[in-house]
Amino acid sequence: MKMGNPPSTPKNQSRHVLRRKTSFDHGLDRLMNLMLNGVEAMKDMTAPGTLTIMSRRSENGELAVSILDTGVGVPPEQIDQIFSAFITSKPQGTGMGLPISRSIIESHGGRLWATPNTGPGATFQFVLPIEPSAHQTE
């Protein structure tokens, strides 16, 4: 792709191009947020942690992504609460990352949930349709 000024724009003027975020961009943003959460959950552990990211096509033909960490985890009784606004376990956290992530994923026809691991840590999973859904306005 070649970038440059359009013919009607003088070379000494800058041209600002605003690009609308796509489903792919939002998916990457959510993946990064979940990965950073996993890294932060492991940073104060005494043993080295492991962050595992897996993706596959689900039985329903959706993109399924799992982010597993070996951090402090989430108590089973709090698993549903962590997706509520202003709920955080981080000293400097706002409690908005997971609710926003869930909202964006759901707006693209997907789902986001978490489960405690049988060992240390938690697993966050989301699925997104591979084909755009009818309610998307991209």
Protein backbone atom coordinates (compact mmCIF):
# COMPACT_ATOMS: atom_id res chain seq x y z
CA MET A 1 0.00 0.00 0.00
CA LYS A 2 1.41 3.37 -0.96
CA MET A 3 0.73 6.28 1.36
CA GLY A 4 0.97 9.89 0.39
CA ASN A 5 -0.95 13.11 -0.01
CA PRO A 6 -3.99 13.01 -2.25
CA PRO A 7 -3.67 15.11 -5.40
CA SER A 8 -5.70 17.95 -3.88
CA THR A 9 -3.50 18.20 -0.75
CA PRO A 10 -0.35 20.33 -1.02
CA LYS A 11 2.82 18.45 -0.06
CA ASN A 12 3.48 20.77 2.89
CA GLN A 13 0.11 20.01 4.53
CA SER A 14 -0.30 16.97 6.68
CA ARG A 15 -3.20 14.69 6.03
CA HIS A 16 -4.86 13.02 8.99
CA VAL A 17 -6.54 9.72 8.32
CA LEU A 18 -8.87 8.31 10.92
CA ARG A 19 -9.36 4.60 10.71
CA ARG A 20 -12.34 2.97 12.32
CA LYS A 21 -11.50 0.05 14.58
CA THR A 22 -12.50 -3.28 13.14
CA SER A 23 -13.65 -6.42 14.95
CA PHE A 24 -10.11 -7.71 14.53
CA ASP A 25 -8.68 -4.59 16.24
CA HIS A 26 -11.12 -4.91 19.13
CA GLY A 27 -10.28 -8.61 19.44
CA LEU A 28 -6.57 -7.82 19.64
CA ASP A 29 -7.22 -5.12 22.24
CA ARG A 30 -9.20 -7.58 24.38
CA LEU A 31 -6.55 -10.28 23.97
CA MET A 32 -3.85 -7.82 25.08
CA ASN A 33 -5.94 -6.76 28.08
CA LEU A 34 -6.46 -10.37 29.17
CA MET A 35 -2.79 -11.21 28.68
CA LEU A 36 -1.70 -8.19 30.75
CA ASN A 37 -4.14 -9.22 33.48
CA GLY A 38 -2.53 -12.68 33.51
CA VAL A 39 0.99 -11.26 33.70
CA GLU A 40 -0.03 -8.94 36.55
CA ALA A 41 -1.65 -11.85 38.40
CA MET A 42 1.70 -13.69 38.32
CA LYS A 43 4.11 -10.85 39.11
CA ASP A 44 4.06 -11.26 42.90
CA MET A 45 4.22 -15.06 42.90
CA THR A 46 7.32 -16.66 44.42
CA ALA A 47 7.66 -19.27 41.65
CA PRO A 48 8.02 -18.31 37.98
CA GLY A 49 4.66 -18.10 36.27
CA THR A 50 3.39 -19.37 32.96
CA LEU A 51 1.04 -17.58 30.57
CA THR A 52 -0.46 -19.82 27.90
CA ILE A 53 -2.51 -18.56 24.97
CA MET A 54 -4.38 -21.05 22.82
CA SER A 55 -6.71 -20.55 19.89
CA ARG A 56 -8.80 -22.93 17.86
CA ARG A 57 -11.97 -23.14 15.82
CA SER A 58 -14.84 -24.16 18.09
CA GLU A 59 -17.44 -26.81 17.29
CA ASN A 60 -19.75 -23.94 16.25
CA GLY A 61 -17.20 -22.53 13.81
CA GLU A 62 -16.21 -19.65 16.09
CA LEU A 63 -12.74 -18.45 16.99
CA ALA A 64 -12.10 -19.71 20.53
CA VAL A 65 -9.24 -18.15 22.53
CA SER A 66 -8.05 -19.22 25.99
CA ILE A 67 -5.61 -17.31 28.19
CA LEU A 68 -4.32 -19.40 31.12
CA ASP A 69 -2.10 -18.02 33.86
CA THR A 70 -0.54 -19.53 36.97
CA GLY A 71 -1.08 -16.42 39.06
CA VAL A 72 -3.11 -15.78 42.20
CA GLY A 73 -6.32 -16.94 40.55
CA VAL A 74 -9.91 -15.99 41.23
CA PRO A 75 -11.91 -17.61 44.03
CA PRO A 76 -14.83 -19.59 42.52
CA GLU A 77 -17.37 -17.56 44.50
CA GLN A 78 -16.06 -14.33 42.88
CA ILE A 79 -15.86 -15.53 39.27
CA ASP A 80 -19.13 -13.84 38.22
CA GLN A 81 -18.40 -10.63 40.14
CA ILE A 82 -15.13 -9.84 38.31
CA PHE A 83 -17.08 -8.83 35.21
CA SER A 84 -19.03 -6.18 37.16
CA ALA A 85 -17.92 -2.55 36.92
CA PHE A 86 -15.56 -1.24 39.61
CA ILE A 87 -14.66 -4.70 40.96
CA THR A 88 -10.86 -5.04 41.07
CA SER A 89 -8.17 -6.89 42.96
CA LYS A 90 -5.42 -4.52 41.80
CA PRO A 91 -4.29 -1.66 44.06
CA GLN A 92 -4.32 0.77 41.12
CA GLY A 93 -7.09 -0.94 39.15
CA THR A 94 -10.30 0.76 38.02
CA GLY A 95 -12.37 -2.40 37.72
CA MET A 96 -13.37 -1.48 34.17
CA GLY A 97 -11.08 -3.68 32.02
CA LEU A 98 -13.05 -6.92 32.24
CA PRO A 99 -16.53 -5.32 31.96
CA ILE A 100 -15.40 -3.36 28.89
CA SER A 101 -13.78 -6.46 27.40
CA ARG A 102 -16.96 -8.47 27.88
CA SER A 103 -19.11 -5.68 26.43
CA ILE A 104 -16.95 -5.32 23.31
CA ILE A 105 -16.75 -9.06 22.73
CA GLU A 106 -20.53 -9.41 23.16
CA SER A 107 -21.13 -6.49 20.76
CA HIS A 108 -19.35 -8.57 18.11
CA GLY A 109 -21.52 -11.61 18.77
CA GLY A 110 -19.08 -13.34 21.14
CA ARG A 111 -18.84 -14.39 24.77
CA LEU A 112 -16.19 -13.92 27.49
CA TRP A 113 -15.96 -15.89 30.73
CA ALA A 114 -13.46 -17.04 33.34
CA THR A 115 -12.87 -20.23 35.30
CA PRO A 116 -10.52 -20.97 38.18
CA ASN A 117 -7.75 -23.43 37.31
CA THR A 118 -7.49 -26.70 39.21
CA GLY A 119 -3.95 -25.59 40.12
CA PRO A 120 -2.81 -22.00 40.53
CA GLY A 121 -4.28 -19.24 38.40
CA ALA A 122 -7.29 -18.70 36.21
CA THR A 123 -8.36 -19.23 32.62
CA PHE A 124 -10.13 -16.53 30.63
CA GLN A 125 -11.84 -17.61 27.44
CA PHE A 126 -13.66 -15.86 24.68
CA VAL A 127 -15.30 -16.89 21.45
CA LEU A 128 -16.02 -14.68 18.46
CA PRO A 129 -17.86 -15.51 15.27
CA ILE A 130 -15.48 -15.85 12.36
CA GLU A 131 -18.10 -14.50 9.96
CA PRO A 132 -19.49 -11.03 10.78
CA SER A 133 -22.86 -11.26 12.47
CA ALA A 134 -25.94 -9.44 11.23
CA HIS A 135 -25.98 -6.98 14.16
CA GLN A 136 -22.47 -5.65 13.46
CA THR A 137 -22.19 -2.28 11.78
CA GLU A 138 -18.54 -2.33 10.65
